[in-house]
Amino acid sequence: MANIMTIRVPEDLQKILKDIAQKRGMSRNSLVLQILWQWEQKNNVE
């Protein structure tokens, strides 16, 4: 089961994320999760 995490994001970043997600045919939530997973893999966080 997924947990809910709320973050505050500047309005301009919200728009950028929304636009990118729409272009990729995905939700903003899915895009942010993808970005976070890629960051974790790149940084090998344990």
PDB file of N, CA and C in Angstrom:
ATOM      1  N   MET A   1       0.832  -1.171   0.000  1.00  0.00           N
ATOM      2  CA  MET A   1       0.000   0.000   0.000  1.00  0.00           C
ATOM      3  C   MET A   1       0.888   1.248   0.000  1.00  0.00           C
ATOM      4  N   ALA A   2       0.515   2.231  -0.754  1.00  0.00           N
ATOM      5  CA  ALA A   2       1.291   3.459  -0.860  1.00  0.00           C
ATOM      6  C   ALA A   2       0.930   4.424   0.262  1.00  0.00           C
ATOM      7  N   ASN A   3       1.917   5.176   0.692  1.00  0.00           N
ATOM      8  CA  ASN A   3       1.703   6.230   1.677  1.00  0.00           C
ATOM      9  C   ASN A   3       1.558   7.562   0.956  1.00  0.00           C
ATOM     10  N   ILE A   4       0.900   8.488   1.593  1.00  0.00           N
ATOM     11  CA  ILE A   4       0.711   9.821   1.027  1.00  0.00           C
ATOM     12  C   ILE A   4       1.784  10.744   1.580  1.00  0.00           C
ATOM     13  N   MET A   5       2.419  11.499   0.671  1.00  0.00           N
ATOM     14  CA  MET A   5       3.412  12.478   1.062  1.00  0.00           C
ATOM     15  C   MET A   5       3.026  13.797   0.397  1.00  0.00           C
ATOM     16  N   THR A   6       2.897  14.827   1.183  1.00  0.00           N
ATOM     17  CA  THR A   6       2.524  16.134   0.647  1.00  0.00           C
ATOM     18  C   THR A   6       3.749  17.039   0.637  1.00  0.00           C
ATOM     19  N   ILE A   7       3.979  17.685  -0.497  1.00  0.00           N
ATOM     20  CA  ILE A   7       5.081  18.642  -0.581  1.00  0.00           C
ATOM     21  C   ILE A   7       4.555  19.961  -1.137  1.00  0.00           C
ATOM     22  N   ARG A   8       5.209  21.034  -0.759  1.00  0.00           N
ATOM     23  CA  ARG A   8       4.856  22.356  -1.290  1.00  0.00           C
ATOM     24  C   ARG A   8       5.780  22.639  -2.468  1.00  0.00           C
ATOM     25  N   VAL A   9       5.184  22.999  -3.582  1.00  0.00           N
ATOM     26  CA  VAL A   9       5.941  23.225  -4.812  1.00  0.00           C
ATOM     27  C   VAL A   9       5.601  24.607  -5.362  1.00  0.00           C
ATOM     28  N   PRO A  10       6.621  25.378  -5.740  1.00  0.00           N
ATOM     29  CA  PRO A  10       6.339  26.685  -6.340  1.00  0.00           C
ATOM     30  C   PRO A  10       5.448  26.545  -7.567  1.00  0.00           C
ATOM     31  N   GLU A  11       4.641  27.553  -7.791  1.00  0.00           N
ATOM     32  CA  GLU A  11       3.671  27.528  -8.882  1.00  0.00           C
ATOM     33  C   GLU A  11       4.311  27.273 -10.249  1.00  0.00           C
ATOM     34  N   ASP A  12       5.466  27.892 -10.495  1.00  0.00           N
ATOM     35  CA  ASP A  12       6.117  27.705 -11.796  1.00  0.00           C
ATOM     36  C   ASP A  12       6.596  26.266 -11.982  1.00  0.00           C
ATOM     37  N   LEU A  13       7.081  25.621 -10.918  1.00  0.00           N
ATOM     38  CA  LEU A  13       7.492  24.219 -11.016  1.00  0.00           C
ATOM     39  C   LEU A  13       6.279  23.316 -11.208  1.00  0.00           C
ATOM     40  N   GLN A  14       5.168  23.633 -10.555  1.00  0.00           N
ATOM     41  CA  GLN A  14       3.931  22.865 -10.748  1.00  0.00           C
ATOM     42  C   GLN A  14       3.535  22.854 -12.218  1.00  0.00           C
ATOM     43  N   LYS A  15       3.607  24.026 -12.851  1.00  0.00           N
ATOM     44  CA  LYS A  15       3.235  24.131 -14.261  1.00  0.00           C
ATOM     45  C   LYS A  15       4.187  23.325 -15.141  1.00  0.00           C
ATOM     46  N   ILE A  16       5.470  23.416 -14.869  1.00  0.00           N
ATOM     47  CA  ILE A  16       6.463  22.666 -15.643  1.00  0.00           C
ATOM     48  C   ILE A  16       6.186  21.169 -15.539  1.00  0.00           C
ATOM     49  N   LEU A  17       5.971  20.678 -14.317  1.00  0.00           N
ATOM     50  CA  LEU A  17       5.700  19.251 -14.115  1.00  0.00           C
ATOM     51  C   LEU A  17       4.407  18.824 -14.802  1.00  0.00           C
ATOM     52  N   LYS A  18       3.385  19.668 -14.709  1.00  0.00           N
ATOM     53  CA  LYS A  18       2.111  19.363 -15.354  1.00  0.00           C
ATOM     54  C   LYS A  18       2.284  19.269 -16.865  1.00  0.00           C
ATOM     55  N   ASP A  19       2.998  20.218 -17.456  1.00  0.00           N
ATOM     56  CA  ASP A  19       3.208  20.231 -18.906  1.00  0.00           C
ATOM     57  C   ASP A  19       3.998  19.010 -19.373  1.00  0.00           C
ATOM     58  N   ILE A  20       5.056  18.666 -18.641  1.00  0.00           N
ATOM     59  CA  ILE A  20       5.869  17.498 -19.006  1.00  0.00           C
ATOM     60  C   ILE A  20       5.031  16.226 -18.908  1.00  0.00           C
ATOM     61  N   ALA A  21       4.278  16.094 -17.812  1.00  0.00           N
ATOM     62  CA  ALA A  21       3.447  14.902 -17.620  1.00  0.00           C
ATOM     63  C   ALA A  21       2.425  14.766 -18.742  1.00  0.00           C
ATOM     64  N   GLN A  22       1.773  15.869 -19.118  1.00  0.00           N
ATOM     65  CA  GLN A  22       0.790  15.824 -20.209  1.00  0.00           C
ATOM     66  C   GLN A  22       1.440  15.393 -21.518  1.00  0.00           C
ATOM     67  N   LYS A  23       2.615  15.932 -21.818  1.00  0.00           N
ATOM     68  CA  LYS A  23       3.325  15.574 -23.054  1.00  0.00           C
ATOM     69  C   LYS A  23       3.678  14.097 -23.084  1.00  0.00           C
ATOM     70  N   ARG A  24       3.953  13.526 -21.913  1.00  0.00           N
ATOM     71  CA  ARG A  24       4.322  12.104 -21.823  1.00  0.00           C
ATOM     72  C   ARG A  24       3.113  11.198 -21.636  1.00  0.00           C
ATOM     73  N   GLY A  25       1.920  11.794 -21.518  1.00  0.00           N
ATOM     74  CA  GLY A  25       0.711  11.002 -21.348  1.00  0.00           C
ATOM     75  C   GLY A  25       0.633  10.313 -20.005  1.00  0.00           C
ATOM     76  N   MET A  26       1.105  10.985 -18.971  1.00  0.00           N
ATOM     77  CA  MET A  26       1.084  10.400 -17.641  1.00  0.00           C
ATOM     78  C   MET A  26       0.599  11.445 -16.636  1.00  0.00           C
ATOM     79  N   SER A  27       0.321  11.006 -15.428  1.00  0.00           N
ATOM     80  CA  SER A  27      -0.097  11.946 -14.394  1.00  0.00           C
ATOM     81  C   SER A  27       1.135  12.635 -13.808  1.00  0.00           C
ATOM     82  N   ARG A  28       0.892  13.771 -13.185  1.00  0.00           N
ATOM     83  CA  ARG A  28       1.984  14.484 -12.523  1.00  0.00           C
ATOM     84  C   ARG A  28       2.558  13.622 -11.398  1.00  0.00           C
ATOM     85  N   ASN A  29       1.704  12.908 -10.685  1.00  0.00           N
ATOM     86  CA  ASN A  29       2.166  12.021  -9.623  1.00  0.00           C
ATOM     87  C   ASN A  29       3.111  10.955 -10.172  1.00  0.00           C
ATOM     88  N   SER A  30       2.737  10.336 -11.297  1.00  0.00           N
ATOM     89  CA  SER A  30       3.594   9.309 -11.903  1.00  0.00           C
ATOM     90  C   SER A  30       4.936   9.887 -12.328  1.00  0.00           C
ATOM     91  N   LEU A  31       4.899  11.093 -12.877  1.00  0.00           N
ATOM     92  CA  LEU A  31       6.143  11.749 -13.292  1.00  0.00           C
ATOM     93  C   LEU A  31       7.050  12.001 -12.097  1.00  0.00           C
ATOM     94  N   VAL A  32       6.494  12.530 -11.015  1.00  0.00           N
ATOM     95  CA  VAL A  32       7.296  12.814  -9.825  1.00  0.00           C
ATOM     96  C   VAL A  32       7.860  11.525  -9.237  1.00  0.00           C
ATOM     97  N   LEU A  33       7.056  10.464  -9.199  1.00  0.00           N
ATOM     98  CA  LEU A  33       7.559   9.174  -8.715  1.00  0.00           C
ATOM     99  C   LEU A  33       8.698   8.662  -9.589  1.00  0.00           C
ATOM    100  N   GLN A  34       8.560   8.798 -10.902  1.00  0.00           N
ATOM    101  CA  GLN A  34       9.619   8.381 -11.827  1.00  0.00           C
ATOM    102  C   GLN A  34      10.908   9.161 -11.558  1.00  0.00           C
ATOM    103  N   ILE A  35      10.784  10.465 -11.378  1.00  0.00           N
ATOM    104  CA  ILE A  35      11.943  11.312 -11.086  1.00  0.00           C
ATOM    105  C   ILE A  35      12.605  10.887  -9.780  1.00  0.00           C
ATOM    106  N   LEU A  36      11.800  10.632  -8.746  1.00  0.00           N
ATOM    107  CA  LEU A  36      12.351  10.226  -7.452  1.00  0.00           C
ATOM    108  C   LEU A  36      13.039   8.868  -7.530  1.00  0.00           C
ATOM    109  N   TRP A  37      12.432   7.914  -8.227  1.00  0.00           N
ATOM    110  CA  TRP A  37      13.061   6.593  -8.379  1.00  0.00           C
ATOM    111  C   TRP A  37      14.391   6.706  -9.133  1.00  0.00           C
ATOM    112  N   GLN A  38      14.421   7.505 -10.190  1.00  0.00           N
ATOM    113  CA  GLN A  38      15.664   7.688 -10.948  1.00  0.00           C
ATOM    114  C   GLN A  38      16.742   8.332 -10.083  1.00  0.00           C
ATOM    115  N   TRP A  39      16.354   9.306  -9.273  1.00  0.00           N
ATOM    116  CA  TRP A  39      17.307   9.953  -8.378  1.00  0.00           C
ATOM    117  C   TRP A  39      17.869   8.945  -7.376  1.00  0.00           C
ATOM    118  N   GLU A  40      16.976   8.128  -6.813  1.00  0.00           N
ATOM    119  CA  GLU A  40      17.405   7.123  -5.827  1.00  0.00           C
ATOM    120  C   GLU A  40      18.381   6.136  -6.452  1.00  0.00           C
ATOM    121  N   GLN A  41      18.074   5.675  -7.677  1.00  0.00           N
ATOM    122  CA  GLN A  41      18.952   4.716  -8.339  1.00  0.00           C
ATOM    123  C   GLN A  41      20.311   5.338  -8.668  1.00  0.00           C
ATOM    124  N   LYS A  42      20.311   6.570  -9.112  1.00  0.00           N
ATOM    125  CA  LYS A  42      21.541   7.262  -9.464  1.00  0.00           C
ATOM    126  C   LYS A  42      22.414   7.500  -8.228  1.00  0.00           C
ATOM    127  N   ASN A  43      21.781   7.805  -7.114  1.00  0.00           N
ATOM    128  CA  ASN A  43      22.509   8.134  -5.890  1.00  0.00           C
ATOM    129  C   ASN A  43      22.684   6.936  -4.957  1.00  0.00           C
ATOM    130  N   ASN A  44      22.130   5.801  -5.342  1.00  0.00           N
ATOM    131  CA  ASN A  44      22.281   4.559  -4.565  1.00  0.00           C
ATOM    132  C   ASN A  44      22.017   4.785  -3.080  1.00  0.00           C
ATOM    133  N   VAL A  45      20.903   5.375  -2.774  1.00  0.00           N
ATOM    134  CA  VAL A  45      20.529   5.674  -1.397  1.00  0.00           C
ATOM    135  C   VAL A  45      20.051   4.400  -0.725  1.00  0.00           C
ATOM    136  N   GLU A  46      20.543   4.167   0.466  1.00  0.00           N
ATOM    137  CA  GLU A  46      20.111   2.978   1.235  1.00  0.00           C
ATOM    138  C   GLU A  46      19.590   3.386   2.570  1.00  0.00           C
TER     139      GLU A  46
END
